[in-house]
Amino acid sequence: MKTLPLHLISALLLVTPSLSKAADKQPEPTNAEEAAAKKAAAEAKIDADYAALVAKLPPEERAWEEVLQSELGNFYLPIHKKQKVAGQSNAWDFVRDDPALPRVLLIGDSVSRGYTQAVRREMKGEANVHRAPANCGPTATGLKKLDIWLGDGNWDAIHFNFGIHDRKTPPADYEQRLEEIVTRLKATGATVLWASTTPIPPDGKEGPEMTTAIVERNAIATEVMKRNGVATDDLFTFITPHLDEVQNPQDVHFNSEGYDLLGSQVAKAIREAIAK
């Protein structure tokens, strides 16, 4: 057996401890399958906890949750489940009506979802404020889902909007669909109130042409509402002076202050519509 030269032995003695210390500091490599398994287990637990929670609800609340399960979709339903399991309130909370108060339905996209709870706070003791069991999307979805959103309730007022998801809808189609939706909403006997679409920032991902598209859709909607005798809650004009402070950068959505402002305005408009 050959003996290593002295200079190699010395070098190994110097290097080996350093390598050992370096190895001790290195994190273990991430195992993608293990991470995925942990995520799946966490989601399965939320699903199980949510199912157990729903099973204990009174029949009316359980029925509402079943509607949400079929309508919220793959994005919003997991969020809803997680919030319910954590005991957190959200826009799709079951509303137990006070029979002495008017019933109000909010229909709209994620901006509408954002101000729903603010409207409820503003109108506490004045109205039972419900919202459609969905992120309502474009007018095409509205035509397909309107009967589900209206349910079997007797609505005193319906506050609705379609616009951001219709920014690429051909203007003639947008107008025709709005006409049909308005006709169906008015047939409920409720006071119908249109909300103009809030602005899309010109520096957004889709460029300034989408800002113009919203202005054009609002102009179309204004004419449709005039023809049908439907009042407009002009959220576009209301929120525009506050955009620098309350709209998220390069985004159609708002911060909590923005949703509080919008909720206050929506409550005011509904209050005035019901009074008339």
C-alpha atoms as a PDB file:
ATOM      1  CA  MET A   1       0.000   0.000   0.000  1.00  0.00           C
ATOM      2  CA  LYS A   2       1.408   3.333  -1.072  1.00  0.00           C
ATOM      3  CA  THR A   3       1.571   6.232   1.349  1.00  0.00           C
ATOM      4  CA  LEU A   4       0.325   9.598   0.097  1.00  0.00           C
ATOM      5  CA  PRO A   5       2.910  12.331  -0.077  1.00  0.00           C
ATOM      6  CA  LEU A   6       2.991  14.579   2.966  1.00  0.00           C
ATOM      7  CA  HIS A   7       1.921  17.677   0.992  1.00  0.00           C
ATOM      8  CA  LEU A   8      -1.264  15.876  -0.255  1.00  0.00           C
ATOM      9  CA  ILE A   9      -2.141  14.697   3.245  1.00  0.00           C
ATOM     10  CA  SER A  10      -1.796  18.275   4.531  1.00  0.00           C
ATOM     11  CA  ALA A  11      -4.004  19.599   1.739  1.00  0.00           C
ATOM     12  CA  LEU A  12      -6.713  17.034   2.437  1.00  0.00           C
ATOM     13  CA  LEU A  13      -6.696  17.867   6.144  1.00  0.00           C
ATOM     14  CA  LEU A  14      -7.240  21.537   5.278  1.00  0.00           C
ATOM     15  CA  VAL A  15      -9.930  21.014   2.655  1.00  0.00           C
ATOM     16  CA  THR A  16     -12.031  18.225   4.200  1.00  0.00           C
ATOM     17  CA  PRO A  17     -13.334  20.202   7.240  1.00  0.00           C
ATOM     18  CA  SER A  18     -14.258  23.102   4.955  1.00  0.00           C
ATOM     19  CA  LEU A  19     -16.184  20.793   2.650  1.00  0.00           C
ATOM     20  CA  SER A  20     -17.927  19.240   5.606  1.00  0.00           C
ATOM     21  CA  LYS A  21     -18.973  22.627   6.996  1.00  0.00           C
ATOM     22  CA  ALA A  22     -20.181  23.757   3.574  1.00  0.00           C
ATOM     23  CA  ALA A  23     -22.220  20.588   3.220  1.00  0.00           C
ATOM     24  CA  ASP A  24     -23.798  21.190   6.648  1.00  0.00           C
ATOM     25  CA  LYS A  25     -24.977  24.627   5.496  1.00  0.00           C
ATOM     26  CA  GLN A  26     -26.572  23.456   2.242  1.00  0.00           C
ATOM     27  CA  PRO A  27     -30.378  22.944   2.408  1.00  0.00           C
ATOM     28  CA  GLU A  28     -31.699  19.593   1.423  1.00  0.00           C
ATOM     29  CA  PRO A  29     -32.870  19.533  -2.193  1.00  0.00           C
ATOM     30  CA  THR A  30     -36.591  20.200  -2.627  1.00  0.00           C
ATOM     31  CA  ASN A  31     -38.561  17.146  -3.561  1.00  0.00           C
ATOM     32  CA  ALA A  32     -41.269  18.289  -5.986  1.00  0.00           C
ATOM     33  CA  GLU A  33     -43.352  15.172  -5.438  1.00  0.00           C
ATOM     34  CA  GLU A  34     -43.192  15.595  -1.662  1.00  0.00           C
ATOM     35  CA  ALA A  35     -44.194  19.265  -1.930  1.00  0.00           C
ATOM     36  CA  ALA A  36     -47.087  18.365  -4.211  1.00  0.00           C
ATOM     37  CA  ALA A  37     -48.181  15.635  -1.816  1.00  0.00           C
ATOM     38  CA  LYS A  38     -48.172  18.075   1.118  1.00  0.00           C
ATOM     39  CA  LYS A  39     -50.211  20.583  -0.877  1.00  0.00           C
ATOM     40  CA  ALA A  40     -52.700  17.914  -1.890  1.00  0.00           C
ATOM     41  CA  ALA A  41     -53.003  16.756   1.729  1.00  0.00           C
ATOM     42  CA  ALA A  42     -53.631  20.307   2.915  1.00  0.00           C
ATOM     43  CA  GLU A  43     -56.300  20.828   0.261  1.00  0.00           C
ATOM     44  CA  ALA A  44     -57.917  17.496   1.102  1.00  0.00           C
ATOM     45  CA  LYS A  45     -58.101  18.497   4.762  1.00  0.00           C
ATOM     46  CA  ILE A  46     -59.759  21.807   3.874  1.00  0.00           C
ATOM     47  CA  ASP A  47     -62.233  19.935   1.664  1.00  0.00           C
ATOM     48  CA  ALA A  48     -63.000  17.481   4.465  1.00  0.00           C
ATOM     49  CA  ASP A  49     -63.356  20.212   7.088  1.00  0.00           C
ATOM     50  CA  TYR A  50     -65.576  22.228   4.756  1.00  0.00           C
ATOM     51  CA  ALA A  51     -67.778  19.216   4.011  1.00  0.00           C
ATOM     52  CA  ALA A  52     -68.146  18.548   7.745  1.00  0.00           C
ATOM     53  CA  LEU A  53     -69.031  22.203   8.335  1.00  0.00           C
ATOM     54  CA  VAL A  54     -71.663  22.213   5.566  1.00  0.00           C
ATOM     55  CA  ALA A  55     -73.206  18.963   6.820  1.00  0.00           C
ATOM     56  CA  LYS A  56     -73.996  20.645  10.149  1.00  0.00           C
ATOM     57  CA  LEU A  57     -75.650  23.726   8.642  1.00  0.00           C
ATOM     58  CA  PRO A  58     -79.413  24.330   8.683  1.00  0.00           C
ATOM     59  CA  PRO A  59     -81.128  23.287   5.425  1.00  0.00           C
ATOM     60  CA  GLU A  60     -81.321  26.786   3.886  1.00  0.00           C
ATOM     61  CA  GLU A  61     -77.641  27.520   4.539  1.00  0.00           C
ATOM     62  CA  ARG A  62     -76.615  24.091   3.306  1.00  0.00           C
ATOM     63  CA  ALA A  63     -78.588  24.632   0.105  1.00  0.00           C
ATOM     64  CA  TRP A  64     -76.808  27.960  -0.443  1.00  0.00           C
ATOM     65  CA  GLU A  65     -73.425  26.322  -0.029  1.00  0.00           C
ATOM     66  CA  GLU A  66     -74.419  23.693  -2.572  1.00  0.00           C
ATOM     67  CA  VAL A  67     -75.247  26.434  -5.061  1.00  0.00           C
ATOM     68  CA  LEU A  68     -71.848  28.007  -4.426  1.00  0.00           C
ATOM     69  CA  GLN A  69     -70.156  24.661  -4.957  1.00  0.00           C
ATOM     70  CA  SER A  70     -71.696  24.401  -8.411  1.00  0.00           C
ATOM     71  CA  GLU A  71     -71.239  28.043  -9.437  1.00  0.00           C
ATOM     72  CA  LEU A  72     -68.040  29.527  -7.964  1.00  0.00           C
ATOM     73  CA  GLY A  73     -65.655  27.603 -10.202  1.00  0.00           C
ATOM     74  CA  ASN A  74     -62.113  26.351  -9.730  1.00  0.00           C
ATOM     75  CA  PHE A  75     -60.675  29.728  -8.731  1.00  0.00           C
ATOM     76  CA  TYR A  76     -63.160  31.124  -6.214  1.00  0.00           C
ATOM     77  CA  LEU A  77     -64.496  27.922  -4.655  1.00  0.00           C
ATOM     78  CA  PRO A  78     -61.175  26.872  -3.027  1.00  0.00           C
ATOM     79  CA  ILE A  79     -60.822  30.409  -1.628  1.00  0.00           C
ATOM     80  CA  HIS A  80     -64.370  30.283  -0.283  1.00  0.00           C
ATOM     81  CA  LYS A  81     -63.815  26.877   1.337  1.00  0.00           C
ATOM     82  CA  LYS A  82     -60.603  28.003   2.998  1.00  0.00           C
ATOM     83  CA  GLN A  83     -62.247  31.122   4.369  1.00  0.00           C
ATOM     84  CA  LYS A  84     -65.291  29.252   5.675  1.00  0.00           C
ATOM     85  CA  VAL A  85     -63.120  26.658   7.417  1.00  0.00           C
ATOM     86  CA  ALA A  86     -61.104  29.489   8.994  1.00  0.00           C
ATOM     87  CA  GLY A  87     -64.292  31.182  10.177  1.00  0.00           C
ATOM     88  CA  GLN A  88     -63.762  34.195   7.934  1.00  0.00           C
ATOM     89  CA  SER A  89     -66.590  36.203   6.421  1.00  0.00           C
ATOM     90  CA  ASN A  90     -66.736  36.829   2.674  1.00  0.00           C
ATOM     91  CA  ALA A  91     -68.982  38.262  -0.029  1.00  0.00           C
ATOM     92  CA  TRP A  92     -70.767  34.920  -0.440  1.00  0.00           C
ATOM     93  CA  ASP A  93     -71.872  34.539   3.146  1.00  0.00           C
ATOM     94  CA  PHE A  94     -75.378  33.177   3.585  1.00  0.00           C
ATOM     95  CA  VAL A  95     -77.753  36.055   4.307  1.00  0.00           C
ATOM     96  CA  ARG A  96     -80.543  35.306   6.756  1.00  0.00           C
ATOM     97  CA  ASP A  97     -83.225  37.805   5.856  1.00  0.00           C
ATOM     98  CA  ASP A  98     -84.948  40.141   8.242  1.00  0.00           C
ATOM     99  CA  PRO A  99     -88.490  39.978   6.807  1.00  0.00           C
ATOM    100  CA  ALA A 100     -89.099  43.586   7.773  1.00  0.00           C
ATOM    101  CA  LEU A 101     -86.341  44.814   5.433  1.00  0.00           C
ATOM    102  CA  PRO A 102     -86.141  45.007   1.614  1.00  0.00           C
ATOM    103  CA  ARG A 103     -84.159  42.359  -0.269  1.00  0.00           C
ATOM    104  CA  VAL A 104     -81.301  43.587  -2.471  1.00  0.00           C
ATOM    105  CA  LEU A 105     -79.291  41.576  -5.009  1.00  0.00           C
ATOM    106  CA  LEU A 106     -75.847  42.589  -6.274  1.00  0.00           C
ATOM    107  CA  ILE A 107     -74.785  41.214  -9.657  1.00  0.00           C
ATOM    108  CA  GLY A 108     -71.306  41.863 -11.012  1.00  0.00           C
ATOM    109  CA  ASP A 109     -67.697  40.755 -11.403  1.00  0.00           C
ATOM    110  CA  SER A 110     -64.789  40.757  -8.960  1.00  0.00           C
ATOM    111  CA  VAL A 111     -65.038  44.521  -8.415  1.00  0.00           C
ATOM    112  CA  SER A 112     -68.633  43.991  -7.302  1.00  0.00           C
ATOM    113  CA  ARG A 113     -67.468  41.152  -5.086  1.00  0.00           C
ATOM    114  CA  GLY A 114     -64.927  43.529  -3.584  1.00  0.00           C
ATOM    115  CA  TYR A 115     -67.497  46.075  -2.442  1.00  0.00           C
ATOM    116  CA  THR A 116     -70.238  43.616  -1.381  1.00  0.00           C
ATOM    117  CA  GLN A 117     -69.292  43.484   2.285  1.00  0.00           C
ATOM    118  CA  ALA A 118     -68.930  47.261   2.445  1.00  0.00           C
ATOM    119  CA  VAL A 119     -72.485  47.600   1.088  1.00  0.00           C
ATOM    120  CA  ARG A 120     -73.703  45.197   3.763  1.00  0.00           C
ATOM    121  CA  ARG A 121     -72.037  47.234   6.491  1.00  0.00           C
ATOM    122  CA  GLU A 122     -73.447  50.467   5.098  1.00  0.00           C
ATOM    123  CA  MET A 123     -76.980  49.063   4.857  1.00  0.00           C
ATOM    124  CA  LYS A 124     -77.078  47.084   8.093  1.00  0.00           C
ATOM    125  CA  GLY A 125     -80.554  47.477   9.515  1.00  0.00           C
ATOM    126  CA  GLU A 126     -81.793  48.923   6.205  1.00  0.00           C
ATOM    127  CA  ALA A 127     -81.724  46.027   3.755  1.00  0.00           C
ATOM    128  CA  ASN A 128     -80.882  42.350   3.320  1.00  0.00           C
ATOM    129  CA  VAL A 129     -77.952  42.532   0.874  1.00  0.00           C
ATOM    130  CA  HIS A 130     -77.321  39.371  -1.153  1.00  0.00           C
ATOM    131  CA  ARG A 131     -74.979  38.790  -4.076  1.00  0.00           C
ATOM    132  CA  ALA A 132     -75.076  36.457  -7.042  1.00  0.00           C
ATOM    133  CA  PRO A 133     -73.296  33.131  -6.367  1.00  0.00           C
ATOM    134  CA  ALA A 134     -70.525  33.805  -8.877  1.00  0.00           C
ATOM    135  CA  ASN A 135     -67.983  36.168 -10.338  1.00  0.00           C
ATOM    136  CA  CYS A 136     -70.571  37.108 -12.930  1.00  0.00           C
ATOM    137  CA  GLY A 137     -68.198  37.797 -15.811  1.00  0.00           C
ATOM    138  CA  PRO A 138     -69.464  38.998 -19.224  1.00  0.00           C
ATOM    139  CA  THR A 139     -72.983  39.541 -20.534  1.00  0.00           C
ATOM    140  CA  ALA A 140     -72.847  36.185 -22.348  1.00  0.00           C
ATOM    141  CA  THR A 141     -72.514  34.433 -18.981  1.00  0.00           C
ATOM    142  CA  GLY A 142     -75.225  36.649 -17.557  1.00  0.00           C
ATOM    143  CA  LEU A 143     -77.718  35.425 -20.132  1.00  0.00           C
ATOM    144  CA  LYS A 144     -76.891  31.793 -19.344  1.00  0.00           C
ATOM    145  CA  LYS A 145     -76.827  32.085 -15.559  1.00  0.00           C
ATOM    146  CA  LEU A 146     -79.337  34.813 -14.743  1.00  0.00           C
ATOM    147  CA  ASP A 147     -82.096  32.457 -13.586  1.00  0.00           C
ATOM    148  CA  ILE A 148     -79.687  30.782 -11.152  1.00  0.00           C
ATOM    149  CA  TRP A 149     -78.512  34.127  -9.799  1.00  0.00           C
ATOM    150  CA  LEU A 150     -82.054  35.413  -9.346  1.00  0.00           C
ATOM    151  CA  GLY A 151     -83.092  32.225  -7.555  1.00  0.00           C
ATOM    152  CA  ASP A 152     -86.620  32.108  -6.213  1.00  0.00           C
ATOM    153  CA  GLY A 153     -86.284  35.301  -4.188  1.00  0.00           C
ATOM    154  CA  ASN A 154     -88.599  38.293  -4.371  1.00  0.00           C
ATOM    155  CA  TRP A 155     -86.149  41.129  -4.915  1.00  0.00           C
ATOM    156  CA  ASP A 156     -86.950  44.714  -4.052  1.00  0.00           C
ATOM    157  CA  ALA A 157     -83.845  46.078  -5.791  1.00  0.00           C
ATOM    158  CA  ILE A 158     -81.223  44.647  -8.145  1.00  0.00           C
ATOM    159  CA  HIS A 159     -77.930  46.516  -8.615  1.00  0.00           C
ATOM    160  CA  PHE A 160     -76.015  45.089 -11.575  1.00  0.00           C
ATOM    161  CA  ASN A 161     -73.012  45.582 -13.838  1.00  0.00           C
ATOM    162  CA  PHE A 162     -71.319  43.937 -16.812  1.00  0.00           C
ATOM    163  CA  GLY A 163     -68.348  45.610 -18.467  1.00  0.00           C
ATOM    164  CA  ILE A 164     -64.780  44.700 -17.609  1.00  0.00           C
ATOM    165  CA  HIS A 165     -65.265  41.172 -18.957  1.00  0.00           C
ATOM    166  CA  ASP A 166     -67.018  42.628 -22.003  1.00  0.00           C
ATOM    167  CA  ARG A 167     -64.161  44.942 -22.972  1.00  0.00           C
ATOM    168  CA  LYS A 168     -63.528  42.824 -26.081  1.00  0.00           C
ATOM    169  CA  THR A 169     -67.162  41.996 -26.792  1.00  0.00           C
ATOM    170  CA  PRO A 170     -68.291  43.551 -30.104  1.00  0.00           C
ATOM    171  CA  PRO A 171     -70.303  46.689 -29.258  1.00  0.00           C
ATOM    172  CA  ALA A 172     -73.442  45.496 -31.075  1.00  0.00           C
ATOM    173  CA  ASP A 173     -73.394  42.198 -29.159  1.00  0.00           C
ATOM    174  CA  TYR A 174     -72.838  43.994 -25.867  1.00  0.00           C
ATOM    175  CA  GLU A 175     -75.804  46.266 -26.502  1.00  0.00           C
ATOM    176  CA  GLN A 176     -78.114  43.425 -27.533  1.00  0.00           C
ATOM    177  CA  ARG A 177     -77.201  41.294 -24.523  1.00  0.00           C
ATOM    178  CA  LEU A 178     -77.643  44.186 -22.115  1.00  0.00           C
ATOM    179  CA  GLU A 179     -81.089  44.834 -23.565  1.00  0.00           C
ATOM    180  CA  GLU A 180     -82.112  41.238 -22.910  1.00  0.00           C
ATOM    181  CA  ILE A 181     -80.658  41.198 -19.407  1.00  0.00           C
ATOM    182  CA  VAL A 182     -82.449  44.429 -18.486  1.00  0.00           C
ATOM    183  CA  THR A 183     -85.738  43.039 -19.784  1.00  0.00           C
ATOM    184  CA  ARG A 184     -85.355  39.904 -17.685  1.00  0.00           C
ATOM    185  CA  LEU A 185     -84.378  41.830 -14.568  1.00  0.00           C
ATOM    186  CA  LYS A 186     -87.306  44.225 -14.880  1.00  0.00           C
ATOM    187  CA  ALA A 187     -89.651  41.260 -15.241  1.00  0.00           C
ATOM    188  CA  THR A 188     -88.889  40.352 -11.605  1.00  0.00           C
ATOM    189  CA  GLY A 189     -90.730  43.469 -10.458  1.00  0.00           C
ATOM    190  CA  ALA A 190     -87.640  44.744  -8.662  1.00  0.00           C
ATOM    191  CA  THR A 191     -86.267  48.255  -8.896  1.00  0.00           C
ATOM    192  CA  VAL A 192     -83.348  47.764 -11.309  1.00  0.00           C
ATOM    193  CA  LEU A 193     -80.211  49.859 -10.958  1.00  0.00           C
ATOM    194  CA  TRP A 194     -77.274  49.813 -13.394  1.00  0.00           C
ATOM    195  CA  ALA A 195     -73.697  50.419 -12.189  1.00  0.00           C
ATOM    196  CA  SER A 196     -71.333  51.928 -14.749  1.00  0.00           C
ATOM    197  CA  THR A 197     -68.072  50.018 -15.120  1.00  0.00           C
ATOM    198  CA  THR A 198     -65.084  51.289 -13.157  1.00  0.00           C
ATOM    199  CA  PRO A 199     -61.966  52.346 -15.116  1.00  0.00           C
ATOM    200  CA  ILE A 200     -59.197  50.148 -16.482  1.00  0.00           C
ATOM    201  CA  PRO A 201     -55.810  51.894 -15.990  1.00  0.00           C
ATOM    202  CA  PRO A 202     -54.159  52.962 -19.276  1.00  0.00           C
ATOM    203  CA  ASP A 203     -50.851  51.431 -18.146  1.00  0.00           C
ATOM    204  CA  GLY A 204     -52.406  47.994 -17.651  1.00  0.00           C
ATOM    205  CA  LYS A 205     -51.182  44.844 -19.361  1.00  0.00           C
ATOM    206  CA  GLU A 206     -53.575  45.226 -22.286  1.00  0.00           C
ATOM    207  CA  GLY A 207     -52.688  48.826 -23.003  1.00  0.00           C
ATOM    208  CA  PRO A 208     -54.643  52.100 -23.192  1.00  0.00           C
ATOM    209  CA  GLU A 209     -57.087  50.749 -25.779  1.00  0.00           C
ATOM    210  CA  MET A 210     -58.819  48.851 -22.973  1.00  0.00           C
ATOM    211  CA  THR A 211     -59.316  52.125 -21.096  1.00  0.00           C
ATOM    212  CA  THR A 212     -61.084  53.446 -24.172  1.00  0.00           C
ATOM    213  CA  ALA A 213     -63.080  50.215 -24.516  1.00  0.00           C
ATOM    214  CA  ILE A 214     -64.591  50.710 -21.052  1.00  0.00           C
ATOM    215  CA  VAL A 215     -65.570  54.294 -21.858  1.00  0.00           C
ATOM    216  CA  GLU A 216     -67.267  53.023 -25.021  1.00  0.00           C
ATOM    217  CA  ARG A 217     -69.083  50.219 -23.168  1.00  0.00           C
ATOM    218  CA  ASN A 218     -70.298  52.692 -20.560  1.00  0.00           C
ATOM    219  CA  ALA A 219     -71.663  54.947 -23.304  1.00  0.00           C
ATOM    220  CA  ILE A 220     -73.532  52.007 -24.840  1.00  0.00           C
ATOM    221  CA  ALA A 221     -74.921  50.978 -21.457  1.00  0.00           C
ATOM    222  CA  THR A 222     -76.064  54.543 -20.746  1.00  0.00           C
ATOM    223  CA  GLU A 223     -78.229  54.533 -23.866  1.00  0.00           C
ATOM    224  CA  VAL A 224     -79.645  51.079 -23.074  1.00  0.00           C
ATOM    225  CA  MET A 225     -80.592  52.178 -19.565  1.00  0.00           C
ATOM    226  CA  LYS A 226     -82.200  55.397 -20.808  1.00  0.00           C
ATOM    227  CA  ARG A 227     -84.353  53.456 -23.266  1.00  0.00           C
ATOM    228  CA  ASN A 228     -85.464  51.116 -20.500  1.00  0.00           C
ATOM    229  CA  GLY A 229     -85.989  53.674 -17.746  1.00  0.00           C
ATOM    230  CA  VAL A 230     -83.249  52.229 -15.563  1.00  0.00           C
ATOM    231  CA  ALA A 231     -81.301  54.585 -13.287  1.00  0.00           C
ATOM    232  CA  THR A 232     -77.487  54.539 -13.359  1.00  0.00           C
ATOM    233  CA  ASP A 233     -75.183  54.396 -10.371  1.00  0.00           C
ATOM    234  CA  ASP A 234     -72.220  56.098 -12.049  1.00  0.00           C
ATOM    235  CA  LEU A 235     -69.331  54.361 -10.292  1.00  0.00           C
ATOM    236  CA  PHE A 236     -66.946  55.315 -13.119  1.00  0.00           C
ATOM    237  CA  THR A 237     -67.368  59.034 -12.503  1.00  0.00           C
ATOM    238  CA  PHE A 238     -67.543  58.582  -8.731  1.00  0.00           C
ATOM    239  CA  ILE A 239     -64.264  56.687  -8.326  1.00  0.00           C
ATOM    240  CA  THR A 240     -62.177  58.411 -11.036  1.00  0.00           C
ATOM    241  CA  PRO A 241     -60.918  61.298  -8.820  1.00  0.00           C
ATOM    242  CA  HIS A 242     -59.671  58.761  -6.262  1.00  0.00           C
ATOM    243  CA  LEU A 243     -57.885  56.300  -8.554  1.00  0.00           C
ATOM    244  CA  ASP A 244     -54.328  57.287  -7.603  1.00  0.00           C
ATOM    245  CA  GLU A 245     -55.049  56.464  -3.974  1.00  0.00           C
ATOM    246  CA  VAL A 246     -57.389  53.486  -4.184  1.00  0.00           C
ATOM    247  CA  GLN A 247     -56.818  51.501  -7.395  1.00  0.00           C
ATOM    248  CA  ASN A 248     -54.117  48.849  -7.454  1.00  0.00           C
ATOM    249  CA  PRO A 249     -51.217  49.660  -9.829  1.00  0.00           C
ATOM    250  CA  GLN A 250     -51.804  48.468 -13.403  1.00  0.00           C
ATOM    251  CA  ASP A 251     -54.904  46.613 -12.231  1.00  0.00           C
ATOM    252  CA  VAL A 252     -58.690  46.929 -12.450  1.00  0.00           C
ATOM    253  CA  HIS A 253     -59.096  46.084  -8.757  1.00  0.00           C
ATOM    254  CA  PHE A 254     -59.004  48.307  -5.681  1.00  0.00           C
ATOM    255  CA  ASN A 255     -57.527  48.353  -2.215  1.00  0.00           C
ATOM    256  CA  SER A 256     -59.714  48.155   0.890  1.00  0.00           C
ATOM    257  CA  GLU A 257     -60.187  51.926   0.980  1.00  0.00           C
ATOM    258  CA  GLY A 258     -61.371  51.846  -2.625  1.00  0.00           C
ATOM    259  CA  TYR A 259     -63.900  49.101  -1.953  1.00  0.00           C
ATOM    260  CA  ASP A 260     -65.159  50.982   1.090  1.00  0.00           C
ATOM    261  CA  LEU A 261     -65.677  54.079  -1.053  1.00  0.00           C
ATOM    262  CA  LEU A 262     -67.453  52.102  -3.754  1.00  0.00           C
ATOM    263  CA  GLY A 263     -69.563  50.275  -1.176  1.00  0.00           C
ATOM    264  CA  SER A 264     -70.659  53.559   0.362  1.00  0.00           C
ATOM    265  CA  GLN A 265     -71.669  54.911  -3.049  1.00  0.00           C
ATOM    266  CA  VAL A 266     -73.524  51.714  -3.996  1.00  0.00           C
ATOM    267  CA  ALA A 267     -75.417  51.765  -0.700  1.00  0.00           C
ATOM    268  CA  LYS A 268     -76.370  55.392  -1.272  1.00  0.00           C
ATOM    269  CA  ALA A 269     -77.655  54.642  -4.781  1.00  0.00           C
ATOM    270  CA  ILE A 270     -79.667  51.626  -3.606  1.00  0.00           C
ATOM    271  CA  ARG A 271     -81.071  53.569  -0.688  1.00  0.00           C
ATOM    272  CA  GLU A 272     -82.282  56.324  -3.021  1.00  0.00           C
ATOM    273  CA  ALA A 273     -83.713  53.826  -5.508  1.00  0.00           C
ATOM    274  CA  ILE A 274     -85.682  51.995  -2.815  1.00  0.00           C
ATOM    275  CA  ALA A 275     -86.991  55.275  -1.421  1.00  0.00           C
ATOM    276  CA  LYS A 276     -88.443  56.164  -4.827  1.00  0.00           C
END
